[in-house]
N, C-alpha and C. Protein backbone atom coordinates (compact mmCIF):
# COMPACT_ATOMS: atom_id res chain seq x y z
N MET A 1 92.38 151.07 -29.44
CA MET A 1 91.03 150.47 -29.38
C MET A 1 91.17 149.00 -29.02
N VAL A 2 90.40 148.57 -28.02
CA VAL A 2 90.46 147.17 -27.59
C VAL A 2 89.61 146.32 -28.52
N ASP A 3 90.12 145.15 -28.94
CA ASP A 3 89.39 144.24 -29.79
C ASP A 3 88.33 143.53 -28.97
N LYS A 4 87.07 143.97 -29.09
CA LYS A 4 86.00 143.41 -28.27
C LYS A 4 85.64 142.00 -28.69
N LYS A 5 86.03 141.59 -29.93
CA LYS A 5 85.72 140.24 -30.38
C LYS A 5 86.56 139.21 -29.65
N THR A 6 87.78 139.62 -29.26
CA THR A 6 88.66 138.67 -28.59
C THR A 6 88.71 138.87 -27.10
N ALA A 7 88.34 140.08 -26.62
CA ALA A 7 88.39 140.33 -25.18
C ALA A 7 87.26 139.58 -24.49
N PRO A 8 87.56 138.81 -23.45
CA PRO A 8 86.52 138.07 -22.74
C PRO A 8 85.61 139.02 -21.99
N ARG A 9 84.38 138.58 -21.76
CA ARG A 9 83.41 139.37 -21.04
C ARG A 9 83.79 139.44 -19.58
N ARG A 10 83.84 140.65 -19.02
CA ARG A 10 84.25 140.84 -17.63
C ARG A 10 83.09 141.38 -16.82
N GLY A 11 83.18 141.28 -15.48
CA GLY A 11 82.15 141.83 -14.61
C GLY A 11 82.67 142.02 -13.21
N CYS A 12 83.67 142.88 -13.00
CA CYS A 12 84.27 143.04 -11.69
C CYS A 12 83.27 143.66 -10.72
N LEU A 13 82.96 142.93 -9.67
CA LEU A 13 81.94 143.37 -8.72
C LEU A 13 82.38 144.59 -7.92
N PHE A 14 83.68 144.86 -7.92
CA PHE A 14 84.18 145.86 -6.99
C PHE A 14 84.15 147.27 -7.56
N TYR A 15 84.14 147.41 -8.88
CA TYR A 15 84.01 148.74 -9.43
C TYR A 15 82.64 148.95 -10.04
N GLY A 16 81.88 147.86 -10.24
CA GLY A 16 80.54 148.00 -10.81
C GLY A 16 79.62 148.80 -9.92
N GLY A 17 79.77 148.66 -8.61
CA GLY A 17 78.92 149.39 -7.68
C GLY A 17 79.09 150.89 -7.81
N LEU A 18 80.28 151.34 -8.16
CA LEU A 18 80.52 152.76 -8.31
C LEU A 18 79.68 153.34 -9.43
N ALA A 19 79.67 152.66 -10.58
CA ALA A 19 78.89 153.14 -11.70
C ALA A 19 77.41 153.15 -11.36
N ALA A 20 76.93 152.08 -10.73
CA ALA A 20 75.52 152.01 -10.35
C ALA A 20 75.17 153.13 -9.38
N ALA A 21 76.07 153.46 -8.48
CA ALA A 21 75.80 154.49 -7.49
C ALA A 21 75.61 155.85 -8.14
N VAL A 22 76.46 156.18 -9.11
CA VAL A 22 76.35 157.47 -9.77
C VAL A 22 75.04 157.56 -10.55
N LEU A 23 74.65 156.49 -11.23
CA LEU A 23 73.39 156.50 -11.97
C LEU A 23 72.20 156.64 -11.03
N LEU A 24 72.27 156.01 -9.87
CA LEU A 24 71.20 156.14 -8.90
C LEU A 24 71.10 157.58 -8.42
N LEU A 25 72.23 158.22 -8.23
CA LEU A 25 72.24 159.63 -7.85
C LEU A 25 71.53 160.46 -8.90
N LEU A 26 71.80 160.20 -10.17
CA LEU A 26 71.16 160.95 -11.25
C LEU A 26 69.66 160.73 -11.25
N LEU A 27 69.25 159.50 -10.97
CA LEU A 27 67.82 159.19 -10.92
C LEU A 27 67.15 159.99 -9.82
N LEU A 28 67.78 160.06 -8.67
CA LEU A 28 67.22 160.83 -7.55
C LEU A 28 67.10 162.31 -7.92
N LEU A 29 68.13 162.82 -8.56
CA LEU A 29 68.09 164.22 -8.99
C LEU A 29 66.96 164.45 -9.99
N GLY A 30 66.80 163.49 -10.92
CA GLY A 30 65.75 163.63 -11.92
C GLY A 30 64.38 163.69 -11.29
N VAL A 31 64.14 162.84 -10.31
CA VAL A 31 62.84 162.84 -9.63
C VAL A 31 62.61 164.17 -8.93
N LEU A 32 63.63 164.68 -8.27
CA LEU A 32 63.50 165.94 -7.55
C LEU A 32 63.24 167.10 -8.52
N PHE A 33 63.94 167.07 -9.66
CA PHE A 33 63.75 168.14 -10.63
C PHE A 33 62.31 168.14 -11.16
N GLY A 34 61.71 166.95 -11.24
CA GLY A 34 60.40 166.83 -11.85
C GLY A 34 59.24 167.23 -10.95
N VAL A 35 59.49 167.43 -9.67
CA VAL A 35 58.37 167.67 -8.76
C VAL A 35 58.31 169.11 -8.28
N SER A 36 59.28 169.94 -8.52
CA SER A 36 59.24 171.30 -7.99
C SER A 36 60.11 172.24 -8.83
N LEU A 37 59.62 173.44 -9.01
CA LEU A 37 60.37 174.49 -9.69
C LEU A 37 60.89 174.03 -11.05
N ALA A 38 60.01 173.41 -11.83
CA ALA A 38 60.42 172.77 -13.07
C ALA A 38 61.11 173.74 -14.03
N ASN A 39 60.51 174.88 -14.26
CA ASN A 39 61.09 175.80 -15.23
C ASN A 39 62.45 176.32 -14.80
N LYS A 40 62.58 176.67 -13.53
CA LYS A 40 63.86 177.18 -13.04
C LYS A 40 64.93 176.09 -13.09
N MET A 41 64.56 174.89 -12.70
CA MET A 41 65.52 173.79 -12.71
C MET A 41 65.94 173.45 -14.13
N ARG A 42 64.99 173.54 -15.06
CA ARG A 42 65.30 173.26 -16.46
C ARG A 42 66.35 174.23 -16.97
N ARG A 43 66.19 175.50 -16.63
CA ARG A 43 67.12 176.52 -17.11
C ARG A 43 68.47 176.45 -16.39
N ASP A 44 68.42 176.26 -15.08
CA ASP A 44 69.65 176.35 -14.29
C ASP A 44 70.45 175.06 -14.22
N PHE A 45 69.80 173.91 -14.37
CA PHE A 45 70.50 172.66 -14.09
C PHE A 45 70.44 171.62 -15.21
N THR A 46 69.93 171.98 -16.39
CA THR A 46 69.99 171.05 -17.52
C THR A 46 70.50 171.80 -18.75
N ASP A 47 70.92 171.02 -19.76
CA ASP A 47 71.45 171.59 -21.00
C ASP A 47 70.76 170.95 -22.19
N SER A 48 70.87 171.62 -23.34
CA SER A 48 70.26 171.10 -24.55
C SER A 48 71.09 170.02 -25.22
N GLN A 49 72.39 169.91 -24.83
CA GLN A 49 73.28 168.93 -25.43
C GLN A 49 74.11 168.23 -24.35
N PRO A 50 74.51 166.97 -24.58
CA PRO A 50 75.41 166.31 -23.64
C PRO A 50 76.81 166.89 -23.73
N VAL A 51 77.59 166.73 -22.70
CA VAL A 51 78.98 167.17 -22.70
C VAL A 51 79.87 165.95 -22.97
N PRO A 52 80.69 165.98 -24.03
CA PRO A 52 81.57 164.83 -24.30
C PRO A 52 82.53 164.61 -23.14
N LEU A 53 82.65 163.36 -22.72
CA LEU A 53 83.57 163.02 -21.65
C LEU A 53 84.91 162.59 -22.24
N ALA A 54 85.96 162.85 -21.52
CA ALA A 54 87.30 162.54 -22.01
C ALA A 54 87.46 161.04 -22.23
N ALA A 55 88.15 160.67 -23.30
CA ALA A 55 88.40 159.26 -23.58
C ALA A 55 89.37 158.70 -22.55
N PRO A 56 89.21 157.43 -22.18
CA PRO A 56 90.12 156.82 -21.20
C PRO A 56 91.54 156.77 -21.74
N ARG A 57 92.50 157.04 -20.86
CA ARG A 57 93.91 157.08 -21.26
C ARG A 57 94.59 155.79 -20.86
N LEU A 58 94.32 154.74 -21.64
CA LEU A 58 94.91 153.44 -21.34
C LEU A 58 95.18 152.72 -22.66
N ALA A 59 96.42 152.34 -22.88
CA ALA A 59 96.81 151.65 -24.11
C ALA A 59 96.22 150.24 -24.11
N PRO A 60 95.98 149.66 -25.31
CA PRO A 60 95.41 148.31 -25.39
C PRO A 60 96.20 147.28 -24.59
N ALA A 61 97.53 147.35 -24.64
CA ALA A 61 98.34 146.38 -23.89
C ALA A 61 98.13 146.53 -22.39
N ASP A 62 98.01 147.78 -21.94
CA ASP A 62 97.78 148.03 -20.51
C ASP A 62 96.39 147.53 -20.10
N TYR A 63 95.43 147.68 -21.01
CA TYR A 63 94.07 147.21 -20.70
C TYR A 63 94.05 145.68 -20.56
N GLY A 64 94.79 145.02 -21.41
CA GLY A 64 94.87 143.56 -21.32
C GLY A 64 95.47 143.12 -19.99
N ARG A 65 96.52 143.81 -19.56
CA ARG A 65 97.12 143.48 -18.26
C ARG A 65 96.16 143.79 -17.11
N LEU A 66 95.36 144.84 -17.27
CA LEU A 66 94.36 145.17 -16.25
C LEU A 66 93.35 144.04 -16.10
N GLN A 67 92.86 143.53 -17.20
CA GLN A 67 91.91 142.42 -17.15
C GLN A 67 92.52 141.19 -16.48
N GLN A 68 93.78 140.93 -16.77
CA GLN A 68 94.46 139.79 -16.14
C GLN A 68 94.57 139.98 -14.63
N ARG A 69 94.89 141.19 -14.19
CA ARG A 69 94.99 141.46 -12.75
C ARG A 69 93.65 141.24 -12.05
N ILE A 70 92.58 141.71 -12.69
CA ILE A 70 91.25 141.56 -12.09
C ILE A 70 90.87 140.08 -12.01
N ASP A 71 91.12 139.34 -13.07
CA ASP A 71 90.81 137.90 -13.06
C ASP A 71 91.60 137.17 -11.99
N THR A 72 92.89 137.49 -11.87
CA THR A 72 93.72 136.84 -10.86
C THR A 72 93.23 137.15 -9.46
N PHE A 73 92.86 138.39 -9.22
CA PHE A 73 92.36 138.79 -7.90
C PHE A 73 91.05 138.06 -7.57
N ARG A 74 90.13 138.03 -8.52
CA ARG A 74 88.85 137.38 -8.29
C ARG A 74 89.02 135.90 -8.01
N GLU A 75 89.88 135.25 -8.78
CA GLU A 75 90.10 133.82 -8.57
C GLU A 75 90.76 133.56 -7.22
N SER A 76 91.67 134.43 -6.82
CA SER A 76 92.37 134.25 -5.56
C SER A 76 91.41 134.34 -4.37
N ILE A 77 90.55 135.35 -4.34
CA ILE A 77 89.65 135.47 -3.20
C ILE A 77 88.55 134.39 -3.26
N LYS A 78 88.22 133.96 -4.48
CA LYS A 78 87.20 132.92 -4.60
C LYS A 78 87.67 131.63 -3.96
N TYR A 79 88.94 131.30 -4.14
CA TYR A 79 89.47 130.03 -3.64
C TYR A 79 90.32 130.20 -2.38
N GLY A 80 90.27 131.40 -1.79
CA GLY A 80 90.94 131.61 -0.52
C GLY A 80 92.46 131.64 -0.59
N ARG A 81 93.01 132.01 -1.75
CA ARG A 81 94.46 132.11 -1.87
C ARG A 81 94.94 133.50 -1.45
N PRO A 82 96.05 133.59 -0.75
CA PRO A 82 96.57 134.90 -0.36
C PRO A 82 96.83 135.77 -1.59
N THR A 83 96.46 137.03 -1.50
CA THR A 83 96.67 137.94 -2.62
C THR A 83 96.78 139.37 -2.12
N ALA A 84 97.51 140.17 -2.84
CA ALA A 84 97.66 141.59 -2.50
C ALA A 84 96.37 142.34 -2.84
N PRO A 85 96.15 143.50 -2.25
CA PRO A 85 94.97 144.30 -2.59
C PRO A 85 94.93 144.63 -4.08
N LEU A 86 93.73 144.74 -4.61
CA LEU A 86 93.53 145.17 -5.99
C LEU A 86 93.44 146.69 -6.00
N GLU A 87 94.30 147.33 -6.78
CA GLU A 87 94.32 148.78 -6.86
C GLU A 87 93.97 149.21 -8.28
N LEU A 88 93.01 150.11 -8.41
CA LEU A 88 92.57 150.59 -9.70
C LEU A 88 92.65 152.11 -9.74
N THR A 89 93.30 152.63 -10.77
CA THR A 89 93.34 154.08 -10.96
C THR A 89 92.04 154.53 -11.64
N ALA A 90 91.82 155.83 -11.66
CA ALA A 90 90.65 156.36 -12.36
C ALA A 90 90.70 156.01 -13.85
N ASP A 91 91.89 156.09 -14.45
CA ASP A 91 92.03 155.75 -15.87
C ASP A 91 91.65 154.29 -16.12
N GLU A 92 92.03 153.41 -15.21
CA GLU A 92 91.69 152.00 -15.39
C GLU A 92 90.19 151.77 -15.25
N ILE A 93 89.57 152.42 -14.28
CA ILE A 93 88.12 152.28 -14.13
C ILE A 93 87.41 152.83 -15.35
N ASN A 94 87.85 153.97 -15.85
CA ASN A 94 87.22 154.56 -17.04
C ASN A 94 87.43 153.70 -18.28
N ALA A 95 88.58 153.04 -18.37
CA ALA A 95 88.81 152.13 -19.50
C ALA A 95 87.87 150.94 -19.43
N LEU A 96 87.61 150.44 -18.24
CA LEU A 96 86.66 149.34 -18.07
C LEU A 96 85.25 149.79 -18.48
N ILE A 97 84.86 150.99 -18.09
CA ILE A 97 83.54 151.51 -18.47
C ILE A 97 83.44 151.63 -19.99
N ALA A 98 84.53 152.05 -20.63
CA ALA A 98 84.51 152.27 -22.08
C ALA A 98 84.54 150.99 -22.89
N ASN A 99 85.12 149.90 -22.33
CA ASN A 99 85.36 148.70 -23.14
C ASN A 99 84.66 147.44 -22.67
N ASP A 100 84.29 147.38 -21.41
CA ASP A 100 83.68 146.16 -20.89
C ASP A 100 82.20 146.10 -21.29
N PRO A 101 81.75 145.02 -21.92
CA PRO A 101 80.35 144.92 -22.34
C PRO A 101 79.36 145.08 -21.20
N ASP A 102 79.74 144.76 -19.98
CA ASP A 102 78.84 144.90 -18.85
C ASP A 102 78.50 146.35 -18.54
N PHE A 103 79.28 147.28 -19.10
CA PHE A 103 79.07 148.68 -18.79
C PHE A 103 78.64 149.51 -19.99
N GLN A 104 78.11 148.86 -21.02
CA GLN A 104 77.68 149.59 -22.21
C GLN A 104 76.59 150.61 -21.90
N SER A 105 75.76 150.33 -20.90
CA SER A 105 74.65 151.23 -20.59
C SER A 105 75.11 152.58 -20.03
N ILE A 106 76.35 152.65 -19.52
CA ILE A 106 76.85 153.92 -18.99
C ILE A 106 78.05 154.45 -19.76
N LYS A 107 78.41 153.78 -20.84
CA LYS A 107 79.52 154.25 -21.66
C LYS A 107 79.19 155.64 -22.20
N GLY A 108 80.13 156.57 -22.06
CA GLY A 108 79.92 157.92 -22.53
C GLY A 108 79.10 158.78 -21.60
N LYS A 109 78.67 158.21 -20.48
CA LYS A 109 77.82 158.95 -19.55
C LYS A 109 78.49 159.18 -18.20
N LEU A 110 79.55 158.42 -17.93
CA LEU A 110 80.20 158.52 -16.63
C LEU A 110 81.72 158.51 -16.79
N GLN A 111 82.36 159.44 -16.12
CA GLN A 111 83.82 159.45 -16.03
C GLN A 111 84.19 159.54 -14.55
N VAL A 112 84.95 158.57 -14.07
CA VAL A 112 85.38 158.54 -12.68
C VAL A 112 86.62 159.41 -12.52
N ILE A 113 86.65 160.19 -11.46
CA ILE A 113 87.79 161.04 -11.14
C ILE A 113 88.19 160.74 -9.69
N ILE A 114 89.48 160.50 -9.47
CA ILE A 114 89.99 160.27 -8.12
C ILE A 114 91.10 161.28 -7.87
N GLU A 115 90.92 162.08 -6.83
CA GLU A 115 91.92 163.08 -6.46
C GLU A 115 92.35 162.81 -5.03
N GLY A 116 93.55 162.27 -4.87
CA GLY A 116 94.03 161.93 -3.53
C GLY A 116 93.14 160.88 -2.90
N ASP A 117 92.48 161.24 -1.83
CA ASP A 117 91.56 160.31 -1.14
C ASP A 117 90.11 160.68 -1.42
N GLN A 118 89.86 161.41 -2.49
CA GLN A 118 88.51 161.89 -2.80
C GLN A 118 87.98 161.27 -4.09
N LEU A 119 86.74 160.79 -4.02
CA LEU A 119 86.08 160.17 -5.17
C LEU A 119 85.12 161.17 -5.80
N LYS A 120 85.26 161.34 -7.11
CA LYS A 120 84.39 162.24 -7.85
C LYS A 120 83.87 161.54 -9.10
N GLY A 121 82.83 162.11 -9.68
CA GLY A 121 82.31 161.57 -10.94
C GLY A 121 81.82 162.68 -11.84
N GLN A 122 82.18 162.62 -13.12
CA GLN A 122 81.66 163.53 -14.14
C GLN A 122 80.61 162.76 -14.92
N VAL A 123 79.39 163.31 -15.00
CA VAL A 123 78.31 162.58 -15.66
C VAL A 123 77.66 163.46 -16.71
N SER A 124 77.15 162.82 -17.75
CA SER A 124 76.40 163.50 -18.80
C SER A 124 75.35 162.51 -19.30
N VAL A 125 74.10 162.77 -18.99
CA VAL A 125 73.06 161.79 -19.29
C VAL A 125 71.76 162.49 -19.69
N SER A 126 71.03 161.86 -20.58
CA SER A 126 69.74 162.39 -21.03
C SER A 126 68.72 162.31 -19.91
N MET A 127 67.97 163.39 -19.72
CA MET A 127 66.93 163.39 -18.70
C MET A 127 65.82 162.39 -19.05
N ALA A 128 65.64 162.11 -20.35
CA ALA A 128 64.65 161.12 -20.75
C ALA A 128 65.00 159.75 -20.20
N GLU A 129 66.29 159.43 -20.15
CA GLU A 129 66.73 158.15 -19.60
C GLU A 129 66.49 158.06 -18.11
N LEU A 130 66.37 159.21 -17.46
CA LEU A 130 66.11 159.23 -16.03
C LEU A 130 64.63 159.18 -15.71
N GLY A 131 63.79 159.09 -16.76
CA GLY A 131 62.36 158.97 -16.52
C GLY A 131 61.70 160.28 -16.14
N VAL A 132 62.19 161.40 -16.68
CA VAL A 132 61.61 162.71 -16.39
C VAL A 132 61.09 163.30 -17.70
N PRO A 133 59.85 162.98 -18.10
CA PRO A 133 59.33 163.38 -19.42
C PRO A 133 59.35 164.88 -19.67
N ILE A 134 59.17 165.67 -18.61
CA ILE A 134 59.11 167.12 -18.81
C ILE A 134 60.45 167.67 -19.31
N PHE A 135 61.53 166.94 -19.06
CA PHE A 135 62.86 167.35 -19.50
C PHE A 135 63.41 166.38 -20.55
N GLN A 136 62.56 165.75 -21.33
CA GLN A 136 63.02 164.66 -22.19
C GLN A 136 63.99 165.13 -23.28
N ASP A 137 64.01 166.41 -23.59
CA ASP A 137 64.93 166.92 -24.61
C ASP A 137 66.15 167.60 -23.98
N ARG A 138 66.38 167.37 -22.70
CA ARG A 138 67.47 168.02 -21.98
C ARG A 138 68.46 167.02 -21.42
N TYR A 139 69.63 167.51 -21.01
CA TYR A 139 70.69 166.66 -20.48
C TYR A 139 71.16 167.20 -19.12
N LEU A 140 71.50 166.27 -18.25
CA LEU A 140 72.10 166.62 -16.98
C LEU A 140 73.61 166.42 -17.09
N ASN A 141 74.36 167.50 -17.02
CA ASN A 141 75.82 167.48 -17.06
C ASN A 141 76.30 167.95 -15.69
N ALA A 142 76.87 167.05 -14.90
CA ALA A 142 77.15 167.38 -13.51
C ALA A 142 78.45 166.77 -13.02
N GLN A 143 78.95 167.31 -11.91
CA GLN A 143 80.10 166.76 -11.21
C GLN A 143 79.66 166.45 -9.78
N ALA A 144 80.02 165.28 -9.30
CA ALA A 144 79.61 164.86 -7.96
C ALA A 144 80.84 164.50 -7.12
N VAL A 145 80.82 164.89 -5.87
CA VAL A 145 81.84 164.49 -4.89
C VAL A 145 81.15 163.53 -3.93
N MET A 146 81.74 162.34 -3.72
CA MET A 146 81.08 161.31 -2.93
C MET A 146 81.97 160.75 -1.83
N ASP A 147 81.33 160.31 -0.77
CA ASP A 147 82.02 159.61 0.31
C ASP A 147 81.80 158.11 0.12
N LEU A 148 82.88 157.35 0.11
CA LEU A 148 82.81 155.91 -0.04
C LEU A 148 83.24 155.24 1.27
N ARG A 149 82.40 154.36 1.79
CA ARG A 149 82.72 153.61 3.01
C ARG A 149 82.39 152.14 2.79
N PHE A 150 83.08 151.30 3.56
CA PHE A 150 82.81 149.87 3.51
C PHE A 150 82.90 149.32 4.92
N ASN A 151 81.76 148.90 5.46
CA ASN A 151 81.75 148.28 6.78
C ASN A 151 80.58 147.33 6.87
N ASN A 152 80.72 146.36 7.76
CA ASN A 152 79.69 145.32 7.92
C ASN A 152 79.39 144.64 6.58
N GLU A 153 80.46 144.47 5.77
CA GLU A 153 80.37 143.80 4.47
C GLU A 153 79.36 144.47 3.54
N ALA A 154 79.30 145.79 3.61
CA ALA A 154 78.38 146.56 2.77
C ALA A 154 79.07 147.82 2.27
N VAL A 155 78.74 148.19 1.03
CA VAL A 155 79.26 149.43 0.44
C VAL A 155 78.29 150.57 0.76
N LYS A 156 78.86 151.67 1.20
CA LYS A 156 78.05 152.85 1.50
C LYS A 156 78.63 154.04 0.75
N ILE A 157 77.83 154.63 -0.14
CA ILE A 157 78.27 155.75 -0.95
C ILE A 157 77.25 156.88 -0.78
N TYR A 158 77.72 157.99 -0.23
CA TYR A 158 76.84 159.12 0.02
C TYR A 158 77.35 160.35 -0.74
N PRO A 159 76.48 161.02 -1.50
CA PRO A 159 76.91 162.23 -2.21
C PRO A 159 77.14 163.38 -1.24
N ARG A 160 78.31 163.97 -1.32
CA ARG A 160 78.62 165.11 -0.46
C ARG A 160 78.21 166.41 -1.13
N GLN A 161 78.47 166.50 -2.45
CA GLN A 161 78.15 167.71 -3.18
C GLN A 161 77.94 167.37 -4.64
N VAL A 162 77.00 168.05 -5.29
CA VAL A 162 76.76 167.89 -6.72
C VAL A 162 76.76 169.27 -7.35
N MET A 163 77.61 169.43 -8.38
CA MET A 163 77.75 170.72 -9.05
C MET A 163 77.23 170.63 -10.48
N VAL A 164 76.46 171.63 -10.89
CA VAL A 164 75.97 171.74 -12.26
C VAL A 164 76.24 173.16 -12.74
N LYS A 165 76.93 173.28 -13.87
CA LYS A 165 77.29 174.59 -14.43
C LYS A 165 78.06 175.43 -13.42
N GLY A 166 78.90 174.77 -12.64
CA GLY A 166 79.71 175.48 -11.66
C GLY A 166 78.96 175.89 -10.41
N LYS A 167 77.69 175.49 -10.28
CA LYS A 167 76.89 175.86 -9.12
C LYS A 167 76.45 174.60 -8.38
N PRO A 168 76.46 174.63 -7.05
CA PRO A 168 76.01 173.46 -6.29
C PRO A 168 74.50 173.29 -6.36
N ILE A 169 74.06 172.03 -6.37
CA ILE A 169 72.64 171.76 -6.25
C ILE A 169 72.15 172.38 -4.94
N PRO A 170 71.00 173.09 -4.95
CA PRO A 170 70.50 173.72 -3.72
C PRO A 170 70.43 172.75 -2.54
N GLU A 171 70.76 173.25 -1.37
CA GLU A 171 70.81 172.42 -0.17
C GLU A 171 69.48 171.74 0.12
N VAL A 172 68.38 172.38 -0.25
CA VAL A 172 67.06 171.77 0.00
C VAL A 172 66.95 170.42 -0.70
N TYR A 173 67.61 170.28 -1.86
CA TYR A 173 67.62 169.02 -2.58
C TYR A 173 68.70 168.09 -2.04
N MET A 174 69.89 168.65 -1.77
CA MET A 174 70.99 167.83 -1.29
C MET A 174 70.67 167.18 0.05
N ALA A 175 69.90 167.87 0.90
CA ALA A 175 69.54 167.31 2.21
C ALA A 175 68.77 166.01 2.04
N GLN A 176 67.97 165.92 1.00
CA GLN A 176 67.22 164.69 0.72
C GLN A 176 68.11 163.64 0.08
N ILE A 177 68.95 164.06 -0.86
CA ILE A 177 69.82 163.13 -1.57
C ILE A 177 70.79 162.45 -0.61
N ARG A 178 71.30 163.20 0.37
CA ARG A 178 72.28 162.65 1.29
C ARG A 178 71.70 161.58 2.21
N LYS A 179 70.40 161.44 2.26
CA LYS A 179 69.79 160.42 3.10
C LYS A 179 69.88 159.03 2.48
N HIS A 180 70.21 158.98 1.21
CA HIS A 180 70.19 157.71 0.48
C HIS A 180 71.60 157.13 0.35
N ASN A 181 71.71 155.83 0.64
CA ASN A 181 72.95 155.10 0.37
C ASN A 181 72.92 154.70 -1.09
N LEU A 182 73.77 155.33 -1.88
CA LEU A 182 73.76 155.07 -3.31
C LEU A 182 74.40 153.74 -3.68
N GLY A 183 74.93 153.04 -2.69
CA GLY A 183 75.51 151.72 -2.93
C GLY A 183 74.58 150.59 -2.57
N GLN A 184 73.33 150.92 -2.20
CA GLN A 184 72.43 149.88 -1.71
C GLN A 184 72.09 148.85 -2.77
N ALA A 185 71.90 149.31 -4.01
CA ALA A 185 71.59 148.36 -5.08
C ALA A 185 72.73 147.37 -5.27
N PHE A 186 73.95 147.85 -5.12
CA PHE A 186 75.12 146.97 -5.19
C PHE A 186 75.11 145.96 -4.06
N ASN A 187 74.75 146.41 -2.86
CA ASN A 187 74.69 145.51 -1.71
C ASN A 187 73.64 144.44 -1.88
N ASN A 188 72.58 144.75 -2.61
CA ASN A 188 71.48 143.80 -2.80
C ASN A 188 71.77 142.74 -3.85
N ASP A 189 72.88 142.91 -4.59
CA ASP A 189 73.26 141.94 -5.61
C ASP A 189 73.83 140.70 -4.93
N PRO A 190 73.19 139.53 -5.09
CA PRO A 190 73.67 138.31 -4.42
C PRO A 190 75.12 137.97 -4.75
N ARG A 191 75.53 138.16 -6.00
CA ARG A 191 76.91 137.86 -6.38
C ARG A 191 77.89 138.78 -5.66
N ALA A 192 77.52 140.07 -5.57
CA ALA A 192 78.39 141.01 -4.87
C ALA A 192 78.47 140.67 -3.39
N GLY A 193 77.33 140.22 -2.83
CA GLY A 193 77.32 139.87 -1.42
C GLY A 193 78.30 138.76 -1.09
N VAL A 194 78.39 137.76 -1.94
CA VAL A 194 79.32 136.65 -1.73
C VAL A 194 80.75 137.16 -1.76
N ALA A 195 81.06 138.04 -2.70
CA ALA A 195 82.42 138.57 -2.82
C ALA A 195 82.76 139.46 -1.63
N MET A 196 81.82 140.29 -1.20
CA MET A 196 82.11 141.24 -0.13
C MET A 196 82.35 140.55 1.21
N GLU A 197 81.84 139.35 1.37
CA GLU A 197 82.10 138.60 2.60
C GLU A 197 83.59 138.28 2.76
N LYS A 198 84.31 138.34 1.64
CA LYS A 198 85.73 137.99 1.67
C LYS A 198 86.64 139.22 1.60
N LEU A 199 86.03 140.40 1.75
CA LEU A 199 86.82 141.63 1.67
C LEU A 199 86.98 142.29 3.03
N GLU A 200 88.16 142.85 3.23
CA GLU A 200 88.44 143.59 4.45
C GLU A 200 88.02 145.05 4.31
N SER A 201 88.28 145.64 3.13
CA SER A 201 87.96 147.06 2.94
C SER A 201 87.89 147.41 1.46
N ILE A 202 87.15 148.47 1.17
CA ILE A 202 87.13 149.12 -0.14
C ILE A 202 87.25 150.61 0.14
N GLN A 203 88.29 151.24 -0.37
CA GLN A 203 88.51 152.64 -0.04
C GLN A 203 89.23 153.38 -1.16
N ILE A 204 89.09 154.68 -1.11
CA ILE A 204 89.83 155.55 -2.01
C ILE A 204 91.07 156.02 -1.25
N LYS A 205 92.24 155.73 -1.81
CA LYS A 205 93.48 156.03 -1.09
C LYS A 205 94.59 156.34 -2.08
N ASN A 206 95.22 157.48 -1.87
CA ASN A 206 96.37 157.87 -2.70
C ASN A 206 96.07 157.79 -4.20
N GLY A 207 94.92 158.28 -4.59
CA GLY A 207 94.58 158.34 -6.01
C GLY A 207 94.13 157.03 -6.62
N ARG A 208 93.75 156.04 -5.80
CA ARG A 208 93.32 154.74 -6.32
C ARG A 208 92.12 154.20 -5.55
N LEU A 209 91.36 153.36 -6.23
CA LEU A 209 90.35 152.55 -5.56
C LEU A 209 91.06 151.28 -5.10
N VAL A 210 91.10 151.04 -3.79
CA VAL A 210 91.86 149.93 -3.23
C VAL A 210 90.89 148.91 -2.61
N VAL A 211 90.93 147.68 -3.11
CA VAL A 211 90.08 146.61 -2.63
C VAL A 211 90.97 145.60 -1.91
N THR A 212 90.80 145.49 -0.60
CA THR A 212 91.67 144.66 0.23
C THR A 212 90.93 143.42 0.71
N PRO A 213 91.45 142.22 0.42
CA PRO A 213 90.79 140.98 0.89
C PRO A 213 91.09 140.72 2.35
N LYS A 214 90.24 139.92 2.98
CA LYS A 214 90.50 139.50 4.35
C LYS A 214 91.69 138.54 4.38
N LYS A 215 92.40 138.55 5.48
CA LYS A 215 93.50 137.61 5.63
C LYS A 215 92.94 136.25 6.02
N ASN A 216 93.50 135.21 5.41
CA ASN A 216 93.03 133.84 5.71
C ASN A 216 93.55 133.37 7.07
C-alpha cells in the first residue's frame, strides 16, 4: 500500500487521456442504452453488481520509482532536455489509477490491459454514474478493444470492439460509437496541448504505452 500522506500529488498528462477516453466510451454506451430497446439492453448488457477488478501488481518501492521516472520525463520535455521515451506497462498505469489522487474518480472502475500492440480496457461502472436513470440500479461490466493514434499533436482513440458478458455490442450501436474520437476531451485540455506540442508519438508497442518526445 502506497503512503498517500507522503506521496506527492501527480498528474501525468500522457496516461490521463486513456482513462478519460474509456469513461467517455461508457457515457456514449449509456446514452445509447437509454434510447432504444431498454428492457433487452438491461437484461443482456448490464448486471446487478459490479465486477471487482484485479488489484495492481506493483510493489510500493516500484511505485515510488515510477513516480520519479514520470517527474523526470515531464521536467525534461518542459525544459527541452534530451530524454529517452517514457514507457509504461499496464501494471504501472493501473497502479497510478489506484494510488494517484487525480484518478480517484475512476479507481476500481477501470483496469488497463495491454497485449502486444493492442490496447484494451476492463471497466465496471454504475449506470447511475453514466446519467441513465432507467438503469440506476445496474452496472456496466465490459471489455473494450481500442485503437490509439497520435498525429498532428492530437490523441485519437477509437473503440474497435466492446464486449459485455462475452458478447459484442450490436453493430448498430458500434457504428455510432466508432464515429467519436474518445481522446477529444484530452485534446481540449490546455495543459495537455502544451505537452503534446513537444511529443513525437504516443503508441502501444511491445506491451507498453510508449511516449516519445521530439528531438531538439
